[in-house]
Amino acid sequence: LLKIQLERDSDFFRFLLDELARATALHDVEQKKFSETVQSLGDELCQMTATNKNDMYTWREIFKLYIEAAIFQDIDMTKDPAKESRKRLEKFKDNLLDRLLESNFVLKESKSILKHFLVINYKLIDFQHFQNLNRMAITKILKKHDKKSGLSATEEFSAFIKGNVVFVDGILLSLCQAVQTKLITIVPQPDEFTCPVCFYLAWKPVRLKCTHLFCARCLIKAKKNNITNCFICRSENAIPEATAGNLDTTLSKFMKLNFPQEIEEKERDNAAER
């Protein structure tokens, strides 16, 4: 029976755990800094978009391109995720240049925010790279240790690795989500507020008793054509029972603030149909 002295192995694991603890502490500090930076940038962006509508529309186009770029989504984590994310980010930057979006900004603050936004994404990629390097390093170290000692530390540590923030991909996704919720949602996309009948902005939004939302113009047309049930859930008599009280005034104010050009276009179309 082969006997192995474990004193050195215990020292090895103690040292490894200490280093992981330090890495975790560093990770927590950096994550907090990142969240604070995103929040601060979000506050600046919110103030800026309220000041200048031209810049707001430019930001809307930028964020639409950013969402389409899917810089951190659907990436094969078994390869080099940071390399792929960096490639997508560079392509996103090229799209900004091709469309001259930065030059469309009126306020210099917008240009500064855009630079900070790109820096945040590069930091996310660095974080992604850090995670991947740590995952690879710990796996190689343990495999080498197993080979020399005859132990199976790689298997024993696998559960620990899955739960440690230094390795968990979900932490990266949560940081990406912070960018989405604290920055991108500040400049909402009109697609999120379309009428399901005309597929355009649901201006003068009417919320039926079933809670489904439509633009007033489409409901007026529905009444003229004797359509009574909700277009979506078929709630009976939902359309004829709608009154002025069904107008969502809160959403109307929100639309006026965020979609002035779309509202103007919709009202021109409505006037042309009369």
Protein backbone atom coordinates (compact mmCIF):
# COMPACT_ATOMS: atom_id res chain seq x y z
CA LEU A 1 0.00 0.00 0.00
CA LEU A 2 1.44 3.32 -1.08
CA LYS A 3 1.59 5.89 1.71
CA ILE A 4 2.04 9.58 1.02
CA GLN A 5 3.07 12.12 3.62
CA LEU A 6 0.52 14.95 3.47
CA GLU A 7 2.35 17.66 5.40
CA ARG A 8 3.60 19.35 2.26
CA ASP A 9 0.25 18.79 0.57
CA SER A 10 -1.58 20.46 3.42
CA ASP A 11 0.81 23.40 3.16
CA PHE A 12 0.16 23.50 -0.56
CA PHE A 13 -3.62 23.61 -0.11
CA ARG A 14 -3.39 26.16 2.69
CA PHE A 15 -1.27 28.41 0.49
CA LEU A 16 -3.66 27.91 -2.42
CA LEU A 17 -6.71 28.78 -0.33
CA ASP A 18 -4.98 31.88 1.07
CA GLU A 19 -4.20 33.09 -2.44
CA LEU A 20 -7.77 32.45 -3.55
CA ALA A 21 -9.05 34.37 -0.54
CA ARG A 22 -6.88 37.34 -1.50
CA ALA A 23 -8.06 37.10 -5.10
CA THR A 24 -11.67 37.01 -3.91
CA ALA A 25 -11.16 40.08 -1.73
CA LEU A 26 -9.57 41.93 -4.65
CA HIS A 27 -12.45 40.85 -6.85
CA ASP A 28 -15.01 42.22 -4.37
CA VAL A 29 -13.23 45.58 -4.20
CA GLU A 30 -13.04 45.88 -7.97
CA GLN A 31 -16.67 44.84 -8.38
CA LYS A 32 -17.76 47.56 -5.95
CA LYS A 33 -15.67 50.16 -7.79
CA PHE A 34 -17.15 49.03 -11.09
CA SER A 35 -20.73 49.30 -9.81
CA GLU A 36 -20.07 52.78 -8.44
CA THR A 37 -18.55 53.87 -11.76
CA VAL A 38 -21.55 52.57 -13.71
CA GLN A 39 -23.96 54.31 -11.33
CA SER A 40 -22.08 57.61 -11.62
CA LEU A 41 -21.99 57.37 -15.40
CA GLY A 42 -25.70 56.58 -15.42
CA ASP A 43 -26.44 59.73 -13.42
CA GLU A 44 -24.43 61.82 -15.90
CA LEU A 45 -26.17 60.23 -18.87
CA CYS A 46 -29.61 60.79 -17.35
CA GLN A 47 -28.88 64.47 -16.80
CA MET A 48 -27.42 64.89 -20.28
CA THR A 49 -30.30 63.23 -22.16
CA ALA A 50 -32.78 65.42 -20.30
CA THR A 51 -30.84 68.48 -21.42
CA ASN A 52 -30.39 67.77 -25.13
CA LYS A 53 -32.84 65.72 -27.22
CA ASN A 54 -30.48 65.56 -30.20
CA ASP A 55 -27.89 63.76 -28.09
CA MET A 56 -30.59 61.53 -26.63
CA TYR A 57 -31.43 60.24 -30.12
CA THR A 58 -27.75 59.69 -30.87
CA TRP A 59 -27.38 57.70 -27.67
CA ARG A 60 -30.44 55.68 -28.63
CA GLU A 61 -28.78 54.64 -31.87
CA ILE A 62 -25.51 53.88 -30.07
CA PHE A 63 -27.21 51.65 -27.52
CA LYS A 64 -29.18 49.89 -30.24
CA LEU A 65 -25.89 49.01 -31.96
CA TYR A 66 -24.45 47.97 -28.62
CA ILE A 67 -27.32 45.58 -27.91
CA GLU A 68 -27.00 44.10 -31.40
CA ALA A 69 -23.25 43.63 -30.88
CA ALA A 70 -23.95 41.20 -27.98
CA ILE A 71 -20.39 41.73 -26.77
CA PHE A 72 -20.65 39.40 -23.78
CA GLN A 73 -23.57 37.18 -24.78
CA ASP A 74 -23.57 33.67 -26.29
CA ILE A 75 -19.81 33.18 -26.09
CA ASP A 76 -18.11 29.78 -25.93
CA MET A 77 -16.52 29.90 -22.46
CA THR A 78 -14.34 26.84 -23.18
CA LYS A 79 -12.22 28.84 -25.63
CA ASP A 80 -10.96 32.40 -25.17
CA PRO A 81 -14.07 34.43 -24.24
CA ALA A 82 -12.14 37.66 -23.67
CA LYS A 83 -10.66 37.51 -27.16
CA GLU A 84 -14.10 37.07 -28.72
CA SER A 85 -15.61 39.88 -26.62
CA ARG A 86 -12.77 42.21 -27.56
CA LYS A 87 -13.34 41.39 -31.23
CA ARG A 88 -17.04 42.25 -30.91
CA LEU A 89 -16.29 45.46 -29.03
CA GLU A 90 -13.86 46.58 -31.74
CA LYS A 91 -16.52 45.88 -34.36
CA PHE A 92 -18.99 47.95 -32.34
CA LYS A 93 -16.50 50.84 -32.26
CA ASP A 94 -16.01 50.55 -36.02
CA ASN A 95 -19.78 50.82 -36.49
CA LEU A 96 -19.81 54.00 -34.41
CA LEU A 97 -17.09 55.48 -36.60
CA ASP A 98 -18.75 54.41 -39.85
CA ARG A 99 -22.00 56.08 -38.83
CA LEU A 100 -20.26 59.20 -37.48
CA LEU A 101 -22.31 58.94 -34.31
CA GLU A 102 -19.79 60.58 -32.00
CA SER A 103 -19.61 63.59 -34.30
CA ASN A 104 -23.40 63.92 -34.03
CA PHE A 105 -23.17 64.85 -30.36
CA VAL A 106 -23.93 68.45 -29.51
CA LEU A 107 -22.67 68.37 -25.94
CA LYS A 108 -19.04 67.65 -25.15
CA GLU A 109 -20.27 65.79 -22.06
CA SER A 110 -21.80 63.18 -24.34
CA LYS A 111 -18.44 62.51 -25.98
CA SER A 112 -16.87 62.14 -22.55
CA ILE A 113 -19.58 59.72 -21.43
CA LEU A 114 -19.08 57.64 -24.58
CA LYS A 115 -15.36 57.33 -23.86
CA HIS A 116 -16.11 56.24 -20.29
CA PHE A 117 -18.70 53.78 -21.58
CA LEU A 118 -16.09 52.16 -23.83
CA VAL A 119 -13.59 52.07 -20.96
CA ILE A 120 -16.16 50.25 -18.82
CA ASN A 121 -16.54 47.61 -21.51
CA TYR A 122 -12.79 47.14 -21.77
CA LYS A 123 -12.69 46.71 -18.00
CA LEU A 124 -15.36 44.04 -18.29
CA ILE A 125 -13.21 42.25 -20.86
CA ASP A 126 -10.21 42.48 -18.52
CA PHE A 127 -12.38 41.01 -15.79
CA GLN A 128 -13.45 38.25 -18.17
CA HIS A 129 -9.81 37.56 -19.05
CA PHE A 130 -8.88 37.53 -15.34
CA GLN A 131 -11.55 34.92 -14.64
CA ASN A 132 -10.44 32.72 -17.50
CA LEU A 133 -6.76 32.91 -16.54
CA ASN A 134 -7.54 32.01 -12.94
CA ARG A 135 -9.68 29.10 -14.02
CA MET A 136 -6.95 27.78 -16.31
CA ALA A 137 -4.18 28.37 -13.77
CA ILE A 138 -5.89 26.62 -10.86
CA THR A 139 -6.78 23.66 -13.07
CA LYS A 140 -3.20 23.26 -14.30
CA ILE A 141 -1.75 23.64 -10.81
CA LEU A 142 -4.06 21.00 -9.38
CA LYS A 143 -3.49 18.59 -12.26
CA LYS A 144 0.26 18.89 -11.80
CA HIS A 145 -0.12 18.35 -8.07
CA ASP A 146 -2.30 15.29 -8.65
CA LYS A 147 0.23 13.84 -11.04
CA LYS A 148 3.07 14.18 -8.53
CA SER A 149 1.17 13.23 -5.39
CA GLY A 150 -1.26 10.62 -6.66
CA LEU A 151 -4.17 12.53 -5.12
CA SER A 152 -7.34 13.69 -6.87
CA ALA A 153 -7.44 17.32 -5.80
CA THR A 154 -8.70 18.44 -9.20
CA GLU A 155 -11.97 16.60 -8.66
CA GLU A 156 -12.25 17.65 -5.02
CA PHE A 157 -11.72 21.31 -5.86
CA SER A 158 -14.10 21.36 -8.82
CA ALA A 159 -17.12 22.13 -6.61
CA PHE A 160 -15.18 24.87 -4.83
CA ILE A 161 -14.14 26.45 -8.11
CA LYS A 162 -17.74 26.50 -9.34
CA GLY A 163 -18.83 28.44 -6.27
CA ASN A 164 -15.93 30.88 -5.99
CA VAL A 165 -16.53 34.37 -7.39
CA VAL A 166 -13.08 34.42 -8.97
CA PHE A 167 -14.24 31.74 -11.41
CA VAL A 168 -18.02 32.11 -11.68
CA ASP A 169 -19.17 33.42 -15.06
CA GLY A 170 -22.45 34.53 -13.51
CA ILE A 171 -20.63 37.37 -11.74
CA LEU A 172 -19.51 38.72 -15.11
CA LEU A 173 -23.06 38.46 -16.39
CA SER A 174 -24.34 40.36 -13.35
CA LEU A 175 -21.88 43.17 -14.07
CA CYS A 176 -23.02 43.23 -17.69
CA GLN A 177 -26.58 43.37 -16.42
CA ALA A 178 -25.64 46.40 -14.32
CA VAL A 179 -24.52 48.15 -17.51
CA GLN A 180 -27.82 47.22 -19.16
CA THR A 181 -30.08 48.37 -16.32
CA LYS A 182 -28.20 51.46 -15.14
CA LEU A 183 -27.11 52.85 -18.50
CA ILE A 184 -28.93 51.49 -21.51
CA THR A 185 -32.42 51.73 -20.00
CA ILE A 186 -31.89 55.45 -19.40
CA VAL A 187 -32.41 55.90 -23.14
CA PRO A 188 -35.40 53.61 -23.91
CA GLN A 189 -35.94 52.22 -27.39
CA PRO A 190 -39.27 52.99 -29.12
CA ASP A 191 -39.59 49.30 -30.04
CA GLU A 192 -40.38 48.64 -26.38
CA PHE A 193 -43.52 50.79 -26.63
CA THR A 194 -45.03 49.82 -29.95
CA CYS A 195 -48.71 49.24 -30.54
CA PRO A 196 -49.23 45.54 -31.42
CA VAL A 197 -51.69 46.50 -34.16
CA CYS A 198 -49.88 49.17 -36.20
CA PHE A 199 -46.38 48.26 -34.93
CA TYR A 200 -45.56 51.90 -34.35
CA LEU A 201 -45.25 53.94 -31.17
CA ALA A 202 -48.40 53.47 -29.08
CA TRP A 203 -48.95 57.21 -28.82
CA LYS A 204 -51.94 58.25 -26.75
CA PRO A 205 -51.63 54.85 -25.10
CA VAL A 206 -54.91 53.30 -24.02
CA ARG A 207 -54.78 50.44 -21.52
CA LEU A 208 -57.79 48.15 -21.80
CA LYS A 209 -59.44 46.44 -18.84
CA CYS A 210 -57.32 43.37 -19.60
CA THR A 211 -54.22 45.64 -19.19
CA HIS A 212 -53.10 45.29 -22.82
CA LEU A 213 -51.93 48.54 -24.39
CA PHE A 214 -52.76 50.02 -27.80
CA CYS A 215 -52.57 53.41 -29.45
CA ALA A 216 -55.82 55.38 -29.44
CA ARG A 217 -55.88 55.57 -33.23
CA CYS A 218 -55.96 51.78 -33.65
CA LEU A 219 -58.75 51.44 -31.09
CA ILE A 220 -60.80 54.11 -32.85
CA LYS A 221 -60.42 52.17 -36.10
CA ALA A 222 -61.37 48.96 -34.30
CA LYS A 223 -64.58 50.52 -32.99
CA LYS A 224 -65.48 51.75 -36.48
CA ASN A 225 -65.02 48.20 -37.76
CA ASN A 226 -67.13 46.76 -34.92
CA ILE A 227 -64.18 44.93 -33.36
CA THR A 228 -64.99 44.55 -29.69
CA ASN A 229 -62.54 42.08 -28.16
CA CYS A 230 -58.91 42.71 -27.23
CA PHE A 231 -56.59 41.95 -30.14
CA ILE A 232 -54.26 39.97 -27.90
CA CYS A 233 -56.24 38.07 -25.27
CA ARG A 234 -59.73 38.38 -26.81
CA SER A 235 -61.16 39.86 -23.63
CA GLU A 236 -64.82 40.45 -24.46
CA ASN A 237 -66.00 44.03 -25.08
CA ALA A 238 -62.66 45.40 -23.89
CA ILE A 239 -62.47 47.89 -26.78
CA PRO A 240 -65.97 49.49 -26.64
CA GLU A 241 -65.78 49.68 -22.84
CA ALA A 242 -62.58 51.75 -22.98
CA THR A 243 -63.11 55.43 -22.13
CA ALA A 244 -60.94 58.50 -21.66
CA GLY A 245 -60.16 57.09 -18.23
CA ASN A 246 -58.25 54.25 -19.88
CA LEU A 247 -55.67 56.64 -21.28
CA ASP A 248 -52.36 55.91 -19.55
CA THR A 249 -51.38 59.47 -18.65
CA THR A 250 -48.16 58.44 -16.91
CA LEU A 251 -46.95 56.59 -19.98
CA SER A 252 -48.04 59.51 -22.17
CA LYS A 253 -45.78 61.86 -20.22
CA PHE A 254 -42.94 59.35 -20.47
CA MET A 255 -43.39 59.12 -24.25
CA LYS A 256 -43.48 62.90 -24.66
CA LEU A 257 -40.19 63.11 -22.80
CA ASN A 258 -38.41 60.31 -24.65
CA PHE A 259 -39.98 60.06 -28.12
CA PRO A 260 -40.82 63.58 -29.36
CA GLN A 261 -39.85 62.87 -32.98
CA GLU A 262 -41.82 59.62 -33.13
CA ILE A 263 -44.87 61.32 -31.64
CA GLU A 264 -44.68 64.13 -34.18
CA GLU A 265 -44.49 61.60 -37.02
CA LYS A 266 -47.37 59.57 -35.59
CA GLU A 267 -49.58 62.65 -35.28
CA ARG A 268 -48.82 63.61 -38.89
CA ASP A 269 -49.86 60.12 -40.01
CA ASN A 270 -53.02 60.31 -37.90
CA ALA A 271 -53.92 63.68 -39.40
CA ALA A 272 -53.38 62.34 -42.91
CA GLU A 273 -55.81 59.48 -42.25
CA ARG A 274 -58.64 61.72 -41.06
